Amino acid sequence: MGDLLNIQPSELKFPFELRKQSSCSMQLSNKTDKYVAFKVKTTNPKKYCVRPNTGIVLPGTTCNVTVTMQAQKEAPPDMQCKDKFLLQSVVAPDGTATKDITADMFNKEDGKVVEEFKLRVIYIPANPPSPVPEGSEEGTSPRASVLENGNQRGSLFEDVSRSLEEPKQKSTKVWSMISRLTEEKTSAIEQNQKLREELELMRKGISKSRAGGFSLLFVALIGLLGVLIGYLMKRT
């Protein structure tokens, strides 16, 4: 480690899983009573995202840096990665902010002391195989078998319970929908019946009005005919 920053961990270990991002972090601790500026570089900048990649660590404080590896489509041979990171650190004037950091601050000219720390990348399987417990010659102890069977039964019970619960929830929704549709159908039938009754009443009213109109007209014609006959008789 250098005289300015204490860097933990000394290697960047990424859980590796195809087509999934993974991240790891490192802590930069300022061991001095001065402002320390840092900058993170990598040999493969398109593959990694570093936040923050530059910054200021105040005296006696710690800064967390997160490195995210983009999702990979294929694994390297033997899970060996050749990527490397370089962390540069330099003493900065008191009161320096991150926005004040420039590339010139890390030039090793004019006798300026720029500490550099290299970190290599290590891939860790995202789902490592479970260790084989010590036991009989066949590879498992009776106790381990009992525990494994118990875990399997517990998992099986949870799966069965979940599978039973899901149809129950679905059936509740289905019955609720059927009940609502039945109510709507009953209401529609009742409305249809009322409309039919109203139409029938209207039809009867029209028939009566037509019948009444005919009888009055007939009486009027007879009366008119009687008047004409009486008039003619008087003339004769």
Protein backbone atom coordinates (compact mmCIF):
# COMPACT_ATOMS: atom_id res chain seq x y z
CA MET A 1 0.00 0.00 0.00
CA GLY A 2 1.06 3.58 -0.55
CA ASP A 3 1.56 6.40 1.88
CA LEU A 4 -1.57 8.30 0.82
CA LEU A 5 -4.44 5.82 0.54
CA ASN A 6 -5.24 2.46 2.04
CA ILE A 7 -7.06 0.42 -0.66
CA GLN A 8 -9.30 -2.51 0.19
CA PRO A 9 -9.59 -5.07 -1.27
CA SER A 10 -6.42 -5.49 -3.26
CA GLU A 11 -8.25 -7.45 -6.00
CA LEU A 12 -11.55 -6.81 -7.77
CA LYS A 13 -13.67 -9.95 -7.52
CA PHE A 14 -16.78 -10.09 -9.74
CA PRO A 15 -19.50 -12.76 -9.46
CA PHE A 16 -19.62 -13.97 -13.07
CA GLU A 17 -22.86 -14.99 -14.75
CA LEU A 18 -23.51 -14.83 -18.48
CA ARG A 19 -25.74 -11.97 -19.70
CA LYS A 20 -25.92 -10.36 -16.26
CA GLN A 21 -24.18 -7.31 -14.83
CA SER A 22 -22.15 -7.68 -11.67
CA SER A 23 -20.50 -5.21 -9.34
CA CYS A 24 -17.88 -4.98 -6.66
CA SER A 25 -16.63 -2.12 -4.54
CA MET A 26 -13.43 -0.90 -2.97
CA GLN A 27 -12.76 1.45 -0.09
CA LEU A 28 -10.18 4.22 -0.30
CA SER A 29 -9.05 5.45 3.13
CA ASN A 30 -7.00 8.61 3.49
CA LYS A 31 -4.09 7.94 5.82
CA THR A 32 -2.85 11.52 5.83
CA ASP A 33 -3.96 14.90 7.15
CA LYS A 34 -4.13 16.30 3.61
CA TYR A 35 -6.58 16.29 0.76
CA VAL A 36 -5.90 13.36 -1.61
CA ALA A 37 -7.17 13.26 -5.19
CA PHE A 38 -7.60 9.91 -6.94
CA LYS A 39 -8.28 8.64 -10.43
CA VAL A 40 -9.23 5.11 -11.58
CA LYS A 41 -8.18 3.75 -14.97
CA THR A 42 -8.78 0.36 -16.61
CA THR A 43 -7.35 -1.53 -19.56
CA ASN A 44 -10.90 -2.19 -20.82
CA PRO A 45 -12.98 0.98 -20.34
CA LYS A 46 -15.89 -0.20 -22.53
CA LYS A 47 -16.42 -3.22 -20.31
CA TYR A 48 -16.50 -1.49 -16.93
CA CYS A 49 -18.24 1.48 -15.36
CA VAL A 50 -16.48 3.12 -12.38
CA ARG A 51 -18.40 5.43 -10.06
CA PRO A 52 -16.80 7.70 -9.11
CA ASN A 53 -13.76 7.36 -11.36
CA THR A 54 -12.23 10.52 -9.86
CA GLY A 55 -12.67 12.18 -6.51
CA ILE A 56 -11.28 13.73 -3.35
CA VAL A 57 -10.72 11.82 -0.11
CA LEU A 58 -10.69 14.16 2.86
CA PRO A 59 -8.18 13.65 5.69
CA GLY A 60 -9.05 10.62 7.81
CA THR A 61 -12.11 9.67 5.75
CA THR A 62 -13.04 6.79 3.43
CA CYS A 63 -14.48 6.89 -0.07
CA ASN A 64 -16.38 3.98 -1.63
CA VAL A 65 -15.84 3.26 -5.33
CA THR A 66 -18.21 0.91 -7.19
CA VAL A 67 -17.05 -0.92 -10.30
CA THR A 68 -19.75 -2.47 -12.51
CA MET A 69 -18.96 -5.01 -15.20
CA GLN A 70 -21.28 -5.05 -18.19
CA ALA A 71 -23.17 -8.26 -19.04
CA GLN A 72 -20.94 -10.69 -20.91
CA LYS A 73 -22.10 -12.98 -23.71
CA GLU A 74 -19.38 -15.57 -23.20
CA ALA A 75 -16.98 -16.66 -20.48
CA PRO A 76 -13.20 -16.42 -20.91
CA PRO A 77 -11.13 -19.62 -21.03
CA ASP A 78 -10.72 -21.15 -17.56
CA MET A 79 -12.55 -18.11 -16.12
CA GLN A 80 -9.28 -16.16 -16.25
CA CYS A 81 -9.55 -12.41 -16.83
CA LYS A 82 -6.67 -10.29 -18.10
CA ASP A 83 -8.28 -6.93 -17.33
CA LYS A 84 -6.50 -4.66 -14.85
CA PHE A 85 -7.22 -1.44 -12.99
CA LEU A 86 -4.85 1.35 -12.02
CA LEU A 87 -5.62 3.70 -9.14
CA GLN A 88 -3.58 6.89 -9.05
CA SER A 89 -3.50 9.19 -6.03
CA VAL A 90 -1.83 12.53 -5.37
CA VAL A 91 -1.86 15.19 -2.67
CA ALA A 92 -4.22 18.05 -3.57
CA PRO A 93 -4.44 21.59 -2.19
CA ASP A 94 -6.73 22.02 0.79
CA GLY A 95 -10.30 22.78 -0.23
CA THR A 96 -10.00 21.03 -3.60
CA ALA A 97 -13.32 19.64 -4.88
CA THR A 98 -13.98 16.86 -7.36
CA LYS A 99 -14.85 19.39 -10.08
CA ASP A 100 -11.39 20.91 -9.66
CA ILE A 101 -9.57 17.67 -10.58
CA THR A 102 -7.68 17.78 -13.89
CA ALA A 103 -5.58 15.27 -15.80
CA ASP A 104 -2.48 17.39 -15.20
CA MET A 105 -2.70 16.70 -11.47
CA PHE A 106 -1.59 13.10 -12.12
CA ASN A 107 1.41 13.91 -14.36
CA LYS A 108 4.71 12.80 -12.85
CA GLU A 109 6.50 15.95 -13.87
CA ASP A 110 8.35 18.49 -11.77
CA GLY A 111 9.08 15.92 -9.12
CA LYS A 112 5.42 15.43 -8.24
CA VAL A 113 4.73 12.24 -6.29
CA VAL A 114 1.93 10.22 -7.87
CA GLU A 115 1.23 6.93 -6.16
CA GLU A 116 -0.08 4.11 -8.36
CA PHE A 117 -1.73 0.89 -7.27
CA LYS A 118 -2.63 -1.92 -9.68
CA LEU A 119 -5.63 -4.19 -9.13
CA ARG A 120 -6.31 -7.34 -11.10
CA VAL A 121 -9.75 -8.73 -11.89
CA ILE A 122 -10.89 -12.13 -10.64
CA TYR A 123 -14.08 -13.90 -11.73
CA ILE A 124 -16.05 -15.85 -9.14
CA PRO A 125 -18.78 -18.32 -10.23
CA ALA A 126 -22.14 -16.76 -9.38
CA ASN A 127 -23.52 -20.15 -8.21
CA PRO A 128 -20.61 -22.09 -6.72
CA PRO A 129 -21.24 -25.81 -6.09
CA SER A 130 -22.08 -26.70 -2.52
CA PRO A 131 -19.25 -28.44 -0.64
CA VAL A 132 -19.57 -32.20 -0.14
CA PRO A 133 -20.02 -32.95 3.58
CA GLU A 134 -17.72 -35.36 5.30
CA GLY A 135 -19.30 -38.74 5.84
CA SER A 136 -19.41 -42.28 4.50
CA GLU A 137 -17.46 -43.67 1.59
CA GLU A 138 -20.40 -42.96 -0.71
CA GLY A 139 -19.92 -39.23 -0.19
CA THR A 140 -22.78 -38.38 2.18
CA SER A 141 -23.28 -39.00 5.86
CA PRO A 142 -26.60 -40.32 7.23
CA ARG A 143 -27.14 -37.03 9.04
CA ALA A 144 -26.47 -35.05 5.87
CA SER A 145 -28.92 -37.26 3.99
CA VAL A 146 -31.59 -36.69 6.62
CA LEU A 147 -31.06 -32.95 6.52
CA GLU A 148 -31.08 -32.95 2.73
CA ASN A 149 -34.27 -35.01 2.61
CA GLY A 150 -35.87 -32.71 5.18
CA ASN A 151 -34.95 -29.69 3.14
CA GLN A 152 -36.30 -31.33 0.00
CA ARG A 153 -39.55 -32.23 1.74
CA GLY A 154 -39.88 -28.71 3.08
CA SER A 155 -39.29 -27.30 -0.36
CA LEU A 156 -41.77 -29.78 -1.86
CA PHE A 157 -44.38 -28.82 0.74
CA GLU A 158 -43.89 -25.13 -0.07
CA ASP A 159 -44.24 -25.85 -3.80
CA VAL A 160 -47.43 -27.87 -3.26
CA SER A 161 -48.89 -25.22 -0.98
CA ARG A 162 -48.06 -22.55 -3.54
CA SER A 163 -49.59 -24.60 -6.36
CA LEU A 164 -52.77 -25.12 -4.33
CA GLU A 165 -52.98 -21.50 -3.32
CA GLU A 166 -52.71 -20.22 -6.87
CA PRO A 167 -55.73 -22.20 -8.24
CA LYS A 168 -57.67 -21.15 -5.14
CA GLN A 169 -57.01 -17.52 -5.91
CA LYS A 170 -57.83 -18.04 -9.57
CA SER A 171 -61.07 -19.91 -8.74
CA THR A 172 -62.15 -17.08 -6.43
CA LYS A 173 -61.70 -14.61 -9.25
CA VAL A 174 -63.58 -16.87 -11.68
CA TRP A 175 -66.55 -17.34 -9.32
CA SER A 176 -66.67 -13.61 -8.67
CA MET A 177 -66.79 -12.96 -12.41
CA ILE A 178 -69.48 -15.64 -12.93
CA SER A 179 -71.60 -14.14 -10.13
CA ARG A 180 -71.32 -10.65 -11.62
CA LEU A 181 -72.25 -11.91 -15.10
CA THR A 182 -75.25 -13.81 -13.66
CA GLU A 183 -76.51 -10.67 -11.95
CA GLU A 184 -76.11 -8.68 -15.16
CA LYS A 185 -77.97 -11.37 -17.12
CA THR A 186 -80.86 -11.42 -14.60
CA SER A 187 -81.11 -7.64 -14.71
CA ALA A 188 -81.16 -7.68 -18.51
CA ILE A 189 -83.96 -10.32 -18.53
CA GLU A 190 -86.04 -8.26 -16.10
CA GLN A 191 -85.59 -5.11 -18.19
CA ASN A 192 -86.51 -7.04 -21.33
CA GLN A 193 -89.69 -8.33 -19.64
CA LYS A 194 -90.66 -4.83 -18.56
CA LEU A 195 -90.16 -3.54 -22.10
CA ARG A 196 -92.36 -6.30 -23.47
CA GLU A 197 -95.12 -5.48 -20.98
CA GLU A 198 -94.95 -1.78 -21.85
CA LEU A 199 -95.09 -2.59 -25.56
CA GLU A 200 -98.12 -4.81 -25.01
CA LEU A 201 -99.91 -2.07 -23.07
CA MET A 202 -99.12 0.43 -25.83
CA ARG A 203 -100.39 -2.01 -28.46
CA LYS A 204 -103.67 -2.52 -26.56
CA GLY A 205 -104.12 1.24 -26.13
CA ILE A 206 -103.63 1.80 -29.85
CA SER A 207 -106.16 -0.94 -30.66
CA LYS A 208 -108.75 0.60 -28.32
CA SER A 209 -108.25 4.04 -29.77
CA ARG A 210 -108.69 2.68 -33.26
CA ALA A 211 -111.84 0.77 -32.26
CA GLY A 212 -113.34 3.82 -30.49
CA GLY A 213 -112.61 6.03 -33.45
CA PHE A 214 -114.42 3.66 -35.83
CA SER A 215 -117.61 3.48 -33.70
CA LEU A 216 -117.87 7.27 -33.39
CA LEU A 217 -117.39 7.70 -37.09
CA PHE A 218 -120.11 5.15 -37.76
CA VAL A 219 -122.57 6.90 -35.43
CA ALA A 220 -121.78 10.21 -37.05
CA LEU A 221 -122.45 8.83 -40.50
CA ILE A 222 -125.74 7.35 -39.41
CA GLY A 223 -126.79 10.65 -37.87
CA LEU A 224 -125.85 12.54 -41.02
CA LEU A 225 -127.75 10.05 -43.14
CA GLY A 226 -130.84 10.48 -40.91
CA VAL A 227 -130.69 14.23 -41.31
CA LEU A 228 -130.48 13.91 -45.08
CA ILE A 229 -133.43 11.52 -45.21
CA GLY A 230 -135.55 13.84 -43.01
CA TYR A 231 -134.69 16.79 -45.20
CA LEU A 232 -135.65 14.94 -48.36
CA MET A 233 -138.94 13.81 -46.85
CA LYS A 234 -139.83 17.36 -45.98
CA ARG A 235 -139.10 18.48 -49.53
CA THR A 236 -141.37 15.86 -50.95
